[in-house]
């Protein structure tokens, strides 16, 4: 019979679960990065297609905040809609999970977790929109009118 320390004994029990958690977190991180790249690419394409419009708006005296808002408004509504639908789905799934035997200390209806996830998704979307919004602000009206 082999004698194990407390930490070695716990590591044997939690090791496979911890590995699964790290793999799931890695997949989540990759999914978040791919989503940010997708938002960035779509907004960059949108700015490129709207170069002439943005140039005309700047020539007519549009404020920088109005131009940034017109760029960011496109992905903002689907983001908010997705967060609301996802939150409702998570709460419903959490209500069903409450009936299951979960380990002690696991709360499927943890509001802090929902808030942190929503904040991370919103910050990611804003950071992804930052580059295209800056590009839109650098458009010169005289060059934009000649742009085809």
N, C-alpha and C. Protein backbone atom coordinates (compact mmCIF):
# COMPACT_ATOMS: atom_id res chain seq x y z
N UNK A 1 0.84 -1.17 0.00
CA UNK A 1 0.00 0.00 0.00
C UNK A 1 0.89 1.24 0.00
N UNK A 2 0.54 2.17 -0.85
CA UNK A 2 1.34 3.36 -1.01
C UNK A 2 0.70 4.52 -0.26
N UNK A 3 1.51 5.24 0.51
CA UNK A 3 1.03 6.38 1.27
C UNK A 3 1.22 7.64 0.43
N UNK A 4 0.14 8.43 0.30
CA UNK A 4 0.18 9.66 -0.50
C UNK A 4 -0.07 10.87 0.38
N UNK A 5 0.54 11.96 0.00
CA UNK A 5 0.24 13.20 0.71
C UNK A 5 -1.15 13.67 0.30
N UNK A 6 -1.67 14.62 1.03
CA UNK A 6 -3.01 15.13 0.74
C UNK A 6 -3.11 15.75 -0.64
N UNK A 7 -2.10 16.54 -1.02
CA UNK A 7 -2.15 17.19 -2.33
C UNK A 7 -2.00 16.18 -3.47
N UNK A 8 -1.21 15.13 -3.27
CA UNK A 8 -1.07 14.10 -4.30
C UNK A 8 -2.36 13.32 -4.45
N UNK A 9 -3.02 13.04 -3.35
CA UNK A 9 -4.29 12.31 -3.38
C UNK A 9 -5.36 13.14 -4.09
N UNK A 10 -5.41 14.44 -3.78
CA UNK A 10 -6.39 15.33 -4.43
C UNK A 10 -6.07 15.46 -5.91
N UNK A 11 -4.79 15.52 -6.27
CA UNK A 11 -4.40 15.66 -7.68
C UNK A 11 -4.85 14.45 -8.49
N UNK A 12 -4.80 13.25 -7.90
CA UNK A 12 -5.28 12.06 -8.60
C UNK A 12 -6.78 12.15 -8.90
N UNK A 13 -7.50 12.73 -7.98
CA UNK A 13 -8.95 12.80 -8.13
C UNK A 13 -9.35 13.92 -9.09
N UNK A 14 -8.74 15.08 -8.95
CA UNK A 14 -9.15 16.24 -9.74
C UNK A 14 -8.38 16.39 -11.05
N UNK A 15 -7.34 15.62 -11.26
CA UNK A 15 -6.52 15.74 -12.46
C UNK A 15 -7.30 15.66 -13.76
N UNK A 16 -8.07 14.59 -13.99
CA UNK A 16 -8.81 14.49 -15.26
C UNK A 16 -9.83 15.62 -15.43
N UNK A 17 -10.47 16.02 -14.36
CA UNK A 17 -11.44 17.11 -14.46
C UNK A 17 -10.74 18.42 -14.77
N UNK A 18 -9.60 18.65 -14.15
CA UNK A 18 -8.84 19.88 -14.40
C UNK A 18 -8.35 19.94 -15.84
N UNK A 19 -7.95 18.81 -16.39
CA UNK A 19 -7.53 18.75 -17.79
C UNK A 19 -8.70 19.12 -18.70
N UNK A 20 -9.87 18.58 -18.41
CA UNK A 20 -11.06 18.90 -19.21
C UNK A 20 -11.40 20.38 -19.13
N UNK A 21 -11.23 20.98 -17.95
CA UNK A 21 -11.50 22.41 -17.79
C UNK A 21 -10.54 23.23 -18.63
N UNK A 22 -9.24 22.87 -18.61
CA UNK A 22 -8.25 23.61 -19.40
C UNK A 22 -8.51 23.47 -20.90
N UNK A 23 -8.89 22.30 -21.34
CA UNK A 23 -9.19 22.10 -22.77
C UNK A 23 -10.42 22.90 -23.17
N UNK A 24 -11.44 22.89 -22.33
CA UNK A 24 -12.65 23.67 -22.62
C UNK A 24 -12.34 25.16 -22.64
N UNK A 25 -11.53 25.62 -21.71
CA UNK A 25 -11.15 27.04 -21.68
C UNK A 25 -10.35 27.41 -22.93
N UNK A 26 -9.49 26.52 -23.39
CA UNK A 26 -8.72 26.79 -24.61
C UNK A 26 -9.64 26.91 -25.82
N UNK A 27 -10.61 26.01 -25.93
CA UNK A 27 -11.57 26.10 -27.03
C UNK A 27 -12.39 27.38 -26.93
N UNK A 28 -12.77 27.77 -25.72
CA UNK A 28 -13.50 29.01 -25.54
C UNK A 28 -12.68 30.22 -25.95
N UNK A 29 -11.40 30.23 -25.60
CA UNK A 29 -10.51 31.32 -25.99
C UNK A 29 -10.35 31.41 -27.50
N UNK A 30 -10.21 30.25 -28.15
CA UNK A 30 -10.10 30.24 -29.61
C UNK A 30 -11.40 30.75 -30.24
N UNK A 31 -12.54 30.34 -29.70
CA UNK A 31 -13.82 30.80 -30.23
C UNK A 31 -13.97 32.31 -30.05
N UNK A 32 -13.54 32.84 -28.92
CA UNK A 32 -13.60 34.28 -28.68
C UNK A 32 -12.70 35.03 -29.66
N UNK A 33 -11.50 34.50 -29.88
CA UNK A 33 -10.58 35.14 -30.84
C UNK A 33 -11.13 35.10 -32.26
N UNK A 34 -11.71 33.98 -32.66
CA UNK A 34 -12.29 33.89 -33.99
C UNK A 34 -13.48 34.84 -34.15
N UNK A 35 -14.27 34.99 -33.11
CA UNK A 35 -15.38 35.95 -33.15
C UNK A 35 -14.87 37.37 -33.29
N UNK A 36 -13.83 37.70 -32.55
CA UNK A 36 -13.26 39.06 -32.64
C UNK A 36 -12.68 39.31 -34.03
N UNK A 37 -12.01 38.32 -34.60
CA UNK A 37 -11.47 38.46 -35.94
C UNK A 37 -12.60 38.64 -36.95
N UNK A 38 -13.68 37.91 -36.77
CA UNK A 38 -14.82 38.04 -37.66
C UNK A 38 -15.45 39.43 -37.60
N UNK A 39 -15.64 39.94 -36.39
CA UNK A 39 -16.21 41.28 -36.24
C UNK A 39 -15.28 42.32 -36.85
N UNK A 40 -13.98 42.20 -36.57
CA UNK A 40 -13.00 43.13 -37.14
C UNK A 40 -13.05 43.10 -38.66
N UNK A 41 -13.06 41.92 -39.24
CA UNK A 41 -13.04 41.79 -40.69
C UNK A 41 -14.29 42.38 -41.33
N UNK A 42 -15.44 42.09 -40.75
CA UNK A 42 -16.69 42.63 -41.31
C UNK A 42 -16.73 44.15 -41.21
N UNK A 43 -16.29 44.70 -40.09
CA UNK A 43 -16.30 46.15 -39.95
C UNK A 43 -15.27 46.81 -40.86
N UNK A 44 -14.12 46.18 -41.02
CA UNK A 44 -13.11 46.71 -41.92
C UNK A 44 -13.63 46.74 -43.36
N UNK A 45 -14.30 45.68 -43.76
CA UNK A 45 -14.91 45.63 -45.09
C UNK A 45 -16.00 46.69 -45.24
N UNK A 46 -16.79 46.86 -44.19
CA UNK A 46 -17.84 47.87 -44.21
C UNK A 46 -17.26 49.27 -44.37
N UNK A 47 -16.20 49.57 -43.66
CA UNK A 47 -15.56 50.88 -43.77
C UNK A 47 -15.01 51.08 -45.18
N UNK A 48 -14.43 50.03 -45.73
CA UNK A 48 -13.89 50.13 -47.09
C UNK A 48 -15.01 50.40 -48.09
N UNK A 49 -16.14 49.73 -47.93
CA UNK A 49 -17.25 49.93 -48.85
C UNK A 49 -17.92 51.29 -48.67
N UNK A 50 -17.84 51.84 -47.47
CA UNK A 50 -18.51 53.11 -47.18
C UNK A 50 -17.55 54.29 -47.18
N UNK A 51 -16.39 54.14 -47.77
CA UNK A 51 -15.38 55.21 -47.76
C UNK A 51 -15.94 56.50 -48.33
N UNK A 52 -16.62 56.41 -49.44
CA UNK A 52 -17.18 57.60 -50.08
C UNK A 52 -18.21 58.27 -49.18
N UNK A 53 -19.10 57.47 -48.60
CA UNK A 53 -20.13 58.01 -47.70
C UNK A 53 -19.50 58.69 -46.49
N UNK A 54 -18.50 58.05 -45.90
CA UNK A 54 -17.84 58.63 -44.73
C UNK A 54 -17.15 59.93 -45.10
N UNK A 55 -16.50 59.95 -46.27
CA UNK A 55 -15.85 61.18 -46.74
C UNK A 55 -16.84 62.31 -46.94
N UNK A 56 -17.99 62.01 -47.50
CA UNK A 56 -19.02 63.04 -47.70
C UNK A 56 -19.53 63.54 -46.35
N UNK A 57 -19.75 62.63 -45.43
CA UNK A 57 -20.23 63.04 -44.10
C UNK A 57 -19.20 63.92 -43.40
N UNK A 58 -17.92 63.56 -43.52
CA UNK A 58 -16.88 64.39 -42.91
C UNK A 58 -16.80 65.75 -43.59
N UNK A 59 -16.96 65.78 -44.92
CA UNK A 59 -16.92 67.05 -45.65
C UNK A 59 -18.08 67.95 -45.25
N UNK A 60 -19.20 67.36 -44.91
CA UNK A 60 -20.36 68.15 -44.49
C UNK A 60 -20.32 68.53 -43.02
N UNK A 61 -19.27 68.09 -42.32
CA UNK A 61 -19.08 68.53 -40.93
C UNK A 61 -19.52 67.55 -39.87
N UNK A 62 -19.56 66.28 -40.20
CA UNK A 62 -19.95 65.29 -39.18
C UNK A 62 -18.88 65.22 -38.09
N UNK A 63 -19.33 65.09 -36.87
CA UNK A 63 -18.43 64.96 -35.74
C UNK A 63 -17.81 63.56 -35.73
N UNK A 64 -16.60 63.43 -35.20
CA UNK A 64 -15.96 62.09 -35.14
C UNK A 64 -16.82 61.07 -34.41
N UNK A 65 -17.49 61.50 -33.34
CA UNK A 65 -18.31 60.55 -32.58
C UNK A 65 -19.46 60.01 -33.44
N UNK A 66 -20.03 60.84 -34.32
CA UNK A 66 -21.11 60.38 -35.19
C UNK A 66 -20.61 59.31 -36.17
N UNK A 67 -19.40 59.49 -36.67
CA UNK A 67 -18.84 58.51 -37.60
C UNK A 67 -18.54 57.21 -36.87
N UNK A 68 -17.96 57.31 -35.69
CA UNK A 68 -17.67 56.10 -34.91
C UNK A 68 -18.98 55.37 -34.58
N UNK A 69 -19.99 56.12 -34.20
CA UNK A 69 -21.28 55.49 -33.86
C UNK A 69 -21.88 54.79 -35.08
N UNK A 70 -21.73 55.37 -36.28
CA UNK A 70 -22.29 54.73 -37.47
C UNK A 70 -21.55 53.44 -37.80
N UNK A 71 -20.27 53.36 -37.45
CA UNK A 71 -19.49 52.14 -37.70
C UNK A 71 -19.84 51.07 -36.66
N UNK A 72 -19.93 51.47 -35.41
CA UNK A 72 -20.13 50.50 -34.33
C UNK A 72 -21.60 50.07 -34.19
N UNK A 73 -22.53 50.86 -34.70
CA UNK A 73 -23.95 50.54 -34.54
C UNK A 73 -24.32 49.24 -35.25
N UNK A 74 -23.65 48.93 -36.35
CA UNK A 74 -23.99 47.73 -37.11
C UNK A 74 -23.84 46.44 -36.28
N UNK A 75 -22.72 46.22 -35.60
CA UNK A 75 -22.62 44.97 -34.82
C UNK A 75 -23.21 45.08 -33.41
N UNK A 76 -23.56 46.28 -32.97
CA UNK A 76 -24.04 46.44 -31.60
C UNK A 76 -25.39 45.78 -31.37
N UNK A 77 -26.32 45.95 -32.29
CA UNK A 77 -27.66 45.37 -32.11
C UNK A 77 -27.62 43.85 -32.08
N UNK A 78 -26.94 43.19 -33.04
CA UNK A 78 -26.87 41.72 -32.93
C UNK A 78 -26.14 41.24 -31.67
N UNK A 79 -25.14 42.01 -31.21
CA UNK A 79 -24.43 41.64 -29.98
C UNK A 79 -25.38 41.69 -28.79
N UNK A 80 -26.12 42.75 -28.66
CA UNK A 80 -27.05 42.87 -27.53
C UNK A 80 -28.14 41.81 -27.62
N UNK A 81 -28.65 41.60 -28.83
CA UNK A 81 -29.68 40.57 -29.02
C UNK A 81 -29.13 39.19 -28.64
N UNK A 82 -27.91 38.87 -29.08
CA UNK A 82 -27.30 37.58 -28.75
C UNK A 82 -27.05 37.42 -27.26
N UNK A 83 -26.63 38.51 -26.60
CA UNK A 83 -26.42 38.44 -25.15
C UNK A 83 -27.73 38.17 -24.42
N UNK A 84 -28.80 38.83 -24.84
CA UNK A 84 -30.10 38.61 -24.19
C UNK A 84 -30.60 37.18 -24.40
N UNK A 85 -30.53 36.71 -25.64
CA UNK A 85 -30.99 35.35 -25.92
C UNK A 85 -30.11 34.33 -25.20
N UNK A 86 -28.80 34.55 -25.21
CA UNK A 86 -27.88 33.64 -24.53
C UNK A 86 -28.09 33.62 -23.03
N UNK A 87 -28.37 34.78 -22.45
CA UNK A 87 -28.61 34.84 -21.00
C UNK A 87 -29.89 34.10 -20.63
N UNK A 88 -30.94 34.31 -21.42
CA UNK A 88 -32.20 33.60 -21.15
C UNK A 88 -31.98 32.10 -21.29
N UNK A 89 -31.26 31.68 -22.33
CA UNK A 89 -30.98 30.25 -22.51
C UNK A 89 -30.16 29.68 -21.37
N UNK A 90 -29.18 30.45 -20.89
CA UNK A 90 -28.34 29.98 -19.79
C UNK A 90 -29.13 29.87 -18.49
N UNK A 91 -30.03 30.81 -18.26
CA UNK A 91 -30.86 30.75 -17.05
C UNK A 91 -31.80 29.55 -17.10
N UNK A 92 -32.38 29.29 -18.28
CA UNK A 92 -33.26 28.12 -18.42
C UNK A 92 -32.46 26.83 -18.21
N UNK A 93 -31.29 26.75 -18.84
CA UNK A 93 -30.45 25.55 -18.65
C UNK A 93 -30.00 25.43 -17.19
N UNK A 94 -29.69 26.56 -16.55
CA UNK A 94 -29.30 26.54 -15.15
C UNK A 94 -30.42 26.07 -14.24
N UNK A 95 -31.66 26.44 -14.60
CA UNK A 95 -32.79 25.98 -13.80
C UNK A 95 -32.94 24.46 -13.88
N UNK A 96 -32.71 23.90 -15.07
CA UNK A 96 -32.76 22.44 -15.20
C UNK A 96 -31.57 21.79 -14.50
N UNK A 97 -30.41 22.45 -14.53
CA UNK A 97 -29.23 21.88 -13.88
C UNK A 97 -29.36 21.89 -12.36
N UNK A 98 -30.16 22.77 -11.83
CA UNK A 98 -30.34 22.82 -10.37
C UNK A 98 -30.91 21.51 -9.84
N UNK A 99 -31.66 20.82 -10.70
CA UNK A 99 -32.26 19.55 -10.27
C UNK A 99 -31.25 18.41 -10.27
N UNK A 100 -30.13 18.61 -10.97
CA UNK A 100 -29.10 17.56 -11.06
C UNK A 100 -28.23 17.60 -9.81
N UNK A 101 -27.54 16.52 -9.58
CA UNK A 101 -26.60 16.46 -8.47
C UNK A 101 -25.29 17.12 -8.90
N UNK A 102 -25.10 18.36 -8.50
CA UNK A 102 -23.88 19.09 -8.82
C UNK A 102 -22.96 19.06 -7.60
N UNK A 103 -21.67 19.18 -7.83
CA UNK A 103 -20.75 19.22 -6.68
C UNK A 103 -21.06 20.41 -5.77
N UNK A 104 -20.66 20.31 -4.55
CA UNK A 104 -20.92 21.37 -3.58
C UNK A 104 -20.26 22.67 -4.03
N UNK A 105 -20.99 23.76 -3.90
CA UNK A 105 -20.45 25.07 -4.25
C UNK A 105 -20.69 25.48 -5.69
N UNK A 106 -21.28 24.63 -6.51
CA UNK A 106 -21.56 24.96 -7.91
C UNK A 106 -22.97 25.50 -8.00
N UNK A 107 -23.09 26.74 -8.46
CA UNK A 107 -24.39 27.36 -8.63
C UNK A 107 -24.61 27.66 -10.11
N UNK A 108 -25.51 26.96 -10.77
CA UNK A 108 -25.72 27.18 -12.20
C UNK A 108 -26.41 28.52 -12.51
N UNK A 109 -26.89 29.20 -11.51
CA UNK A 109 -27.55 30.49 -11.71
C UNK A 109 -26.73 31.62 -11.10
N UNK A 110 -25.42 31.57 -11.27
CA UNK A 110 -24.52 32.56 -10.70
C UNK A 110 -24.56 33.83 -11.55
N UNK A 111 -25.15 34.88 -11.02
CA UNK A 111 -25.31 36.13 -11.77
C UNK A 111 -23.98 36.81 -12.05
N UNK A 112 -23.02 36.68 -11.15
CA UNK A 112 -21.71 37.28 -11.38
C UNK A 112 -21.04 36.68 -12.62
N UNK A 113 -21.16 35.37 -12.78
CA UNK A 113 -20.59 34.71 -13.95
C UNK A 113 -21.25 35.22 -15.23
N UNK A 114 -22.57 35.33 -15.22
CA UNK A 114 -23.28 35.84 -16.40
C UNK A 114 -22.83 37.26 -16.72
N UNK A 115 -22.66 38.08 -15.70
CA UNK A 115 -22.26 39.48 -15.93
C UNK A 115 -20.83 39.55 -16.47
N UNK A 116 -19.94 38.73 -15.95
CA UNK A 116 -18.55 38.74 -16.43
C UNK A 116 -18.48 38.26 -17.88
N UNK A 117 -19.22 37.23 -18.21
CA UNK A 117 -19.22 36.73 -19.60
C UNK A 117 -19.76 37.81 -20.54
N UNK A 118 -20.85 38.47 -20.17
CA UNK A 118 -21.40 39.54 -21.01
C UNK A 118 -20.40 40.68 -21.17
N UNK A 119 -19.72 41.04 -20.08
CA UNK A 119 -18.74 42.12 -20.15
C UNK A 119 -17.56 41.74 -21.05
N UNK A 120 -17.08 40.51 -20.95
CA UNK A 120 -15.96 40.06 -21.79
C UNK A 120 -16.36 40.11 -23.26
N UNK A 121 -17.56 39.66 -23.58
CA UNK A 121 -18.02 39.68 -24.96
C UNK A 121 -18.17 41.11 -25.48
N UNK A 122 -18.69 42.01 -24.66
CA UNK A 122 -18.84 43.40 -25.10
C UNK A 122 -17.49 44.08 -25.28
N UNK A 123 -16.57 43.86 -24.35
CA UNK A 123 -15.24 44.47 -24.47
C UNK A 123 -14.53 43.92 -25.71
N UNK A 124 -14.67 42.63 -25.97
CA UNK A 124 -14.05 42.04 -27.16
C UNK A 124 -14.61 42.67 -28.43
N UNK A 125 -15.92 42.88 -28.48
CA UNK A 125 -16.53 43.49 -29.66
C UNK A 125 -16.06 44.93 -29.84
N UNK A 126 -15.96 45.67 -28.76
CA UNK A 126 -15.51 47.07 -28.84
C UNK A 126 -14.05 47.12 -29.29
N UNK A 127 -13.21 46.24 -28.75
CA UNK A 127 -11.81 46.21 -29.17
C UNK A 127 -11.67 45.80 -30.64
N UNK A 128 -12.53 44.89 -31.09
CA UNK A 128 -12.50 44.49 -32.50
C UNK A 128 -12.95 45.62 -33.41
N UNK A 129 -13.83 46.48 -32.92
CA UNK A 129 -14.34 47.59 -33.73
C UNK A 129 -13.42 48.81 -33.69
N UNK A 130 -12.45 48.81 -32.80
CA UNK A 130 -11.58 49.97 -32.63
C UNK A 130 -10.76 50.28 -33.89
N UNK A 131 -10.14 49.26 -34.49
CA UNK A 131 -9.32 49.46 -35.68
C UNK A 131 -10.10 50.04 -36.86
N UNK A 132 -11.22 49.42 -37.24
CA UNK A 132 -12.00 49.98 -38.34
C UNK A 132 -12.54 51.39 -38.04
N UNK A 133 -12.89 51.67 -36.79
CA UNK A 133 -13.38 53.01 -36.45
C UNK A 133 -12.26 54.04 -36.60
N UNK A 134 -11.05 53.68 -36.19
CA UNK A 134 -9.90 54.59 -36.37
C UNK A 134 -9.62 54.82 -37.84
N UNK A 135 -9.72 53.76 -38.63
CA UNK A 135 -9.50 53.90 -40.07
C UNK A 135 -10.54 54.83 -40.67
N UNK A 136 -11.78 54.74 -40.22
CA UNK A 136 -12.83 55.62 -40.74
C UNK A 136 -12.55 57.07 -40.38
N UNK A 137 -11.99 57.31 -39.21
CA UNK A 137 -11.69 58.69 -38.81
C UNK A 137 -10.53 59.28 -39.59
N UNK A 138 -9.65 58.44 -40.12
CA UNK A 138 -8.50 58.93 -40.88
C UNK A 138 -8.82 59.20 -42.34
N UNK A 139 -10.02 58.90 -42.79
CA UNK A 139 -10.39 59.12 -44.18
C UNK A 139 -10.44 60.62 -44.45
N UNK A 140 -9.76 61.05 -45.49
CA UNK A 140 -9.78 62.45 -45.87
C UNK A 140 -10.91 62.66 -46.88
N UNK A 141 -11.75 63.67 -46.68
CA UNK A 141 -12.89 63.88 -47.58
C UNK A 141 -12.48 64.06 -49.03
N UNK A 142 -11.40 64.77 -49.31
CA UNK A 142 -11.00 65.00 -50.70
C UNK A 142 -10.60 63.71 -51.39
N UNK A 143 -9.90 62.83 -50.69
CA UNK A 143 -9.51 61.55 -51.28
C UNK A 143 -10.70 60.60 -51.38
N UNK A 144 -11.62 60.69 -50.42
CA UNK A 144 -12.77 59.79 -50.42
C UNK A 144 -13.69 60.08 -51.60
N UNK A 145 -13.79 61.34 -52.00
CA UNK A 145 -14.67 61.67 -53.13
C UNK A 145 -14.12 61.15 -54.45
N UNK A 146 -12.81 60.96 -54.53
CA UNK A 146 -12.20 60.40 -55.72
C UNK A 146 -12.09 58.88 -55.65
N UNK A 147 -12.45 58.30 -54.52
CA UNK A 147 -12.33 56.85 -54.30
C UNK A 147 -13.39 56.10 -55.07
N UNK A 148 -13.00 55.04 -55.75
CA UNK A 148 -13.96 54.20 -56.48
C UNK A 148 -14.00 52.81 -55.91
